[in-house]
Amino acid sequence: MKKINIQISFYFILFITVFSCNINTDETNKESVAIITVLYNNQLLYFHSPPPPPPPKHIPLDEIKPVEKTEIKIYDSDKIILEGKFAIVMDNENDLKKSDLKKFPTEFKEIYLKPYHLISVDQLRKIDLRDSSNKKIPIVNKQGIKIQDLAEENKVLGILFISEIKFNKEFNKAILIFASYTHELAGSTSVIGLKKIKGKWEIKHGQILSES
């Protein structure tokens, strides 16, 4: 009887462990998609539509209508990627030094060094990301290809680089390395710290690691 009870206890613990791991994996995936969406939409700010060109010189001055200011849409949604303008590379090429986090609060430094939850680049590559038109966001492998060639191949404006994402226990703080490039010599790489406030991820801390 004692042996049976031990076996039951063992399988019960095993079931709880597996069930708990599955829940954590689902939560990690969900929050990772939300963070990527915020970062992706934030980059759209840099690619808003330019103002219309000036009118031809032969038009009389009294017939020229004033050009209205072009409004820049502020994309802060963490629910859906609004426009498919980038391809994404998931990679871990950058290792942070202690000085890279000097402007970050201690809590973020601790998350980076000892994350409670983590989603690896291999897991991130399996995520299905789509924009508001249900167009699949390309997740690509750079493999020595020039950024401008990779962008042209995928018919996008630029390439976003995203590292593994590290979370605290409560899934309300996260840190990662993020980069945005339109050309080998046009872009920047930063370490980003985010907080989840009222159910929504917001960028709260950032430090540029390199820029060109």
Protein backbone atom coordinates (compact mmCIF):
# COMPACT_ATOMS: atom_id res chain seq x y z
CA MET A 1 0.00 0.00 0.00
CA LYS A 2 2.85 2.34 0.89
CA LYS A 3 4.50 1.59 -2.46
CA ILE A 4 1.30 2.44 -4.33
CA ASN A 5 0.99 5.75 -2.46
CA ILE A 6 4.59 6.64 -3.34
CA GLN A 7 3.91 5.87 -7.02
CA ILE A 8 0.74 7.97 -6.98
CA SER A 9 2.62 10.86 -5.35
CA PHE A 10 5.41 10.59 -7.93
CA TYR A 11 3.04 10.73 -10.91
CA PHE A 12 1.05 13.54 -9.35
CA ILE A 13 4.19 15.64 -8.88
CA LEU A 14 5.29 14.81 -12.42
CA PHE A 15 1.89 15.88 -13.80
CA ILE A 16 1.95 19.17 -11.86
CA THR A 17 5.50 19.88 -13.06
CA VAL A 18 4.67 19.26 -16.73
CA PHE A 19 1.41 21.23 -16.47
CA SER A 20 3.22 24.15 -14.84
CA CYS A 21 5.94 24.15 -17.52
CA ASN A 22 3.32 24.26 -20.28
CA ILE A 23 1.57 27.22 -18.65
CA ASN A 24 4.89 29.09 -18.30
CA THR A 25 5.78 28.37 -21.94
CA ASP A 26 2.41 29.69 -23.15
CA GLU A 27 2.78 32.80 -21.01
CA THR A 28 6.35 33.38 -22.19
CA ASN A 29 5.31 33.07 -25.84
CA LYS A 30 2.32 35.38 -25.39
CA GLU A 31 4.30 38.11 -23.62
CA SER A 32 7.18 37.79 -26.10
CA VAL A 33 4.82 38.37 -29.04
CA ALA A 34 3.40 41.43 -27.25
CA ILE A 35 6.90 42.85 -26.67
CA ILE A 36 7.99 42.23 -30.27
CA THR A 37 4.79 43.92 -31.47
CA VAL A 38 5.47 47.02 -29.36
CA LEU A 39 9.06 47.27 -30.61
CA TYR A 40 8.00 46.63 -34.21
CA ASN A 41 5.23 49.25 -34.17
CA ASN A 42 7.53 51.73 -32.45
CA GLN A 43 9.90 51.53 -35.43
CA LEU A 44 7.08 52.58 -37.76
CA LEU A 45 7.44 56.08 -36.28
CA TYR A 46 10.67 56.45 -38.24
CA PHE A 47 9.04 55.54 -41.54
CA HIS A 48 5.97 57.79 -41.66
CA SER A 49 4.84 59.23 -45.00
CA PRO A 50 6.86 62.28 -46.14
CA PRO A 51 5.06 65.57 -46.83
CA PRO A 52 3.90 66.13 -50.42
CA PRO A 53 6.40 67.73 -52.85
CA PRO A 54 6.24 71.52 -53.46
CA PRO A 55 4.04 72.67 -56.36
CA PRO A 56 5.62 73.41 -59.79
CA LYS A 57 7.20 76.84 -60.14
CA HIS A 58 4.93 77.94 -62.99
CA ILE A 59 1.81 78.02 -60.75
CA PRO A 60 0.97 81.61 -59.68
CA LEU A 61 1.68 82.24 -56.02
CA ASP A 62 -1.91 83.27 -55.25
CA GLU A 63 -3.13 79.84 -56.45
CA ILE A 64 -0.81 77.84 -54.20
CA LYS A 65 -2.72 76.31 -51.33
CA PRO A 66 -0.93 75.90 -48.00
CA VAL A 67 0.29 72.36 -47.32
CA GLU A 68 -1.18 70.84 -44.22
CA LYS A 69 1.24 69.41 -41.71
CA THR A 70 1.79 65.69 -42.11
CA GLU A 71 0.68 63.88 -39.01
CA ILE A 72 2.92 61.14 -37.67
CA LYS A 73 0.90 58.20 -36.48
CA ILE A 74 1.92 57.04 -33.04
CA TYR A 75 1.91 53.28 -32.97
CA ASP A 76 1.77 52.04 -29.43
CA SER A 77 -0.35 48.93 -29.87
CA ASP A 78 0.84 45.70 -28.32
CA LYS A 79 -2.08 43.74 -29.76
CA ILE A 80 -1.25 43.52 -33.46
CA ILE A 81 1.54 44.57 -35.82
CA LEU A 82 0.01 47.37 -37.86
CA GLU A 83 2.10 47.34 -41.05
CA GLY A 84 4.48 44.73 -42.44
CA LYS A 85 7.48 46.91 -43.20
CA PHE A 86 10.32 44.92 -41.63
CA ALA A 87 11.79 41.46 -41.61
CA ILE A 88 13.09 40.11 -38.30
CA VAL A 89 16.32 38.32 -37.43
CA MET A 90 16.37 36.53 -34.07
CA ASP A 91 19.95 36.36 -32.85
CA ASN A 92 22.20 36.53 -29.79
CA GLU A 93 25.34 38.01 -31.30
CA ASN A 94 25.67 40.78 -28.70
CA ASP A 95 26.85 40.03 -25.17
CA LEU A 96 26.32 42.81 -22.69
CA LYS A 97 29.09 44.19 -20.52
CA LYS A 98 28.47 45.59 -17.06
CA SER A 99 28.87 49.13 -18.40
CA ASP A 100 26.07 48.54 -20.94
CA LEU A 101 23.56 48.41 -18.10
CA LYS A 102 24.88 51.27 -15.98
CA LYS A 103 21.80 53.44 -16.65
CA PHE A 104 19.38 50.64 -15.80
CA PRO A 105 17.77 50.12 -12.39
CA THR A 106 19.12 47.21 -10.34
CA GLU A 107 15.97 45.17 -10.95
CA PHE A 108 16.68 45.04 -14.70
CA LYS A 109 20.32 44.16 -14.17
CA GLU A 110 19.20 41.24 -12.01
CA ILE A 111 16.70 40.08 -14.65
CA TYR A 112 19.44 40.11 -17.28
CA LEU A 113 21.88 38.15 -15.11
CA LYS A 114 19.34 35.77 -13.55
CA PRO A 115 16.06 35.71 -15.52
CA TYR A 116 13.14 33.83 -14.00
CA HIS A 117 11.63 33.19 -17.46
CA LEU A 118 13.44 33.24 -20.78
CA ILE A 119 12.51 32.69 -24.41
CA SER A 120 15.44 31.68 -26.59
CA VAL A 121 16.07 32.80 -30.17
CA ASP A 122 15.30 29.26 -31.33
CA GLN A 123 11.86 29.50 -29.71
CA LEU A 124 11.35 33.01 -31.09
CA ARG A 125 12.02 31.80 -34.64
CA LYS A 126 8.99 29.50 -34.37
CA ILE A 127 6.58 32.33 -33.51
CA ASP A 128 4.02 33.20 -36.18
CA LEU A 129 3.92 37.00 -36.48
CA ARG A 130 1.40 38.70 -38.77
CA ASP A 131 0.44 42.28 -39.47
CA SER A 132 -3.01 43.88 -39.54
CA SER A 133 -3.54 42.59 -43.10
CA ASN A 134 -2.75 39.04 -41.91
CA LYS A 135 0.48 39.19 -43.87
CA LYS A 136 3.20 37.03 -42.36
CA ILE A 137 6.17 38.95 -40.98
CA PRO A 138 9.33 37.35 -42.40
CA ILE A 139 11.63 35.85 -39.77
CA VAL A 140 14.92 35.44 -41.60
CA ASN A 141 18.49 34.28 -41.07
CA LYS A 142 21.15 36.85 -41.92
CA GLN A 143 24.04 34.38 -42.44
CA GLY A 144 26.52 36.90 -43.78
CA ILE A 145 24.06 38.58 -46.19
CA LYS A 146 24.21 42.36 -46.27
CA ILE A 147 21.28 44.02 -44.53
CA GLN A 148 20.26 46.05 -47.58
CA ASP A 149 20.27 42.90 -49.74
CA LEU A 150 18.22 41.01 -47.15
CA ALA A 151 15.70 43.87 -47.03
CA GLU A 152 15.42 43.98 -50.81
CA GLU A 153 15.02 40.20 -51.01
CA ASN A 154 12.11 40.30 -48.56
CA LYS A 155 10.66 43.53 -49.99
CA VAL A 156 10.82 45.41 -46.70
CA LEU A 157 12.27 48.74 -45.56
CA GLY A 158 14.67 47.28 -43.04
CA ILE A 159 15.66 44.50 -40.67
CA LEU A 160 14.96 44.27 -36.94
CA PHE A 161 17.27 42.18 -34.76
CA ILE A 162 15.84 40.69 -31.56
CA SER A 163 17.74 38.72 -28.92
CA GLU A 164 16.38 36.23 -26.42
CA ILE A 165 13.92 37.94 -24.07
CA LYS A 166 14.40 37.71 -20.30
CA PHE A 167 11.56 38.18 -17.81
CA ASN A 168 11.09 38.52 -14.08
CA LYS A 169 8.89 36.09 -12.14
CA GLU A 170 5.70 38.16 -12.48
CA PHE A 171 6.02 38.69 -16.26
CA ASN A 172 5.83 42.46 -15.82
CA LYS A 173 9.43 43.40 -16.55
CA ALA A 174 11.62 42.28 -19.44
CA ILE A 175 14.98 43.05 -21.00
CA LEU A 176 16.48 42.29 -24.41
CA ILE A 177 18.87 43.55 -27.09
CA PHE A 178 17.12 45.18 -30.02
CA ALA A 179 18.49 46.61 -33.29
CA SER A 180 16.99 48.31 -36.32
CA TYR A 181 18.89 48.69 -39.61
CA THR A 182 17.99 49.69 -43.15
CA HIS A 183 21.59 49.32 -44.36
CA GLU A 184 24.88 47.96 -43.02
CA LEU A 185 25.79 51.58 -42.20
CA ALA A 186 22.37 52.88 -41.18
CA GLY A 187 20.89 51.81 -37.86
CA SER A 188 21.53 51.20 -34.19
CA THR A 189 21.65 48.49 -31.54
CA SER A 190 20.30 49.06 -28.03
CA VAL A 191 19.52 47.25 -24.82
CA ILE A 192 15.84 47.78 -23.98
CA GLY A 193 14.01 47.46 -20.67
CA LEU A 194 10.22 47.20 -20.67
CA LYS A 195 7.53 47.26 -18.01
CA LYS A 196 3.98 45.98 -18.23
CA ILE A 197 1.66 48.71 -16.98
CA LYS A 198 -2.11 48.19 -16.85
CA GLY A 199 -1.76 45.12 -19.06
CA LYS A 200 0.34 46.89 -21.69
CA TRP A 201 4.09 46.72 -22.36
CA GLU A 202 5.93 50.05 -22.42
CA ILE A 203 9.56 50.86 -23.15
CA LYS A 204 10.97 52.39 -19.97
CA HIS A 205 14.75 52.16 -20.30
CA GLY A 206 17.17 52.06 -23.18
CA GLN A 207 20.86 52.41 -23.86
CA ILE A 208 22.48 52.52 -27.28
CA LEU A 209 25.26 49.97 -27.71
CA SER A 210 26.31 50.92 -31.25
CA GLU A 211 25.12 53.29 -33.97
CA SER A 212 25.99 53.93 -37.59
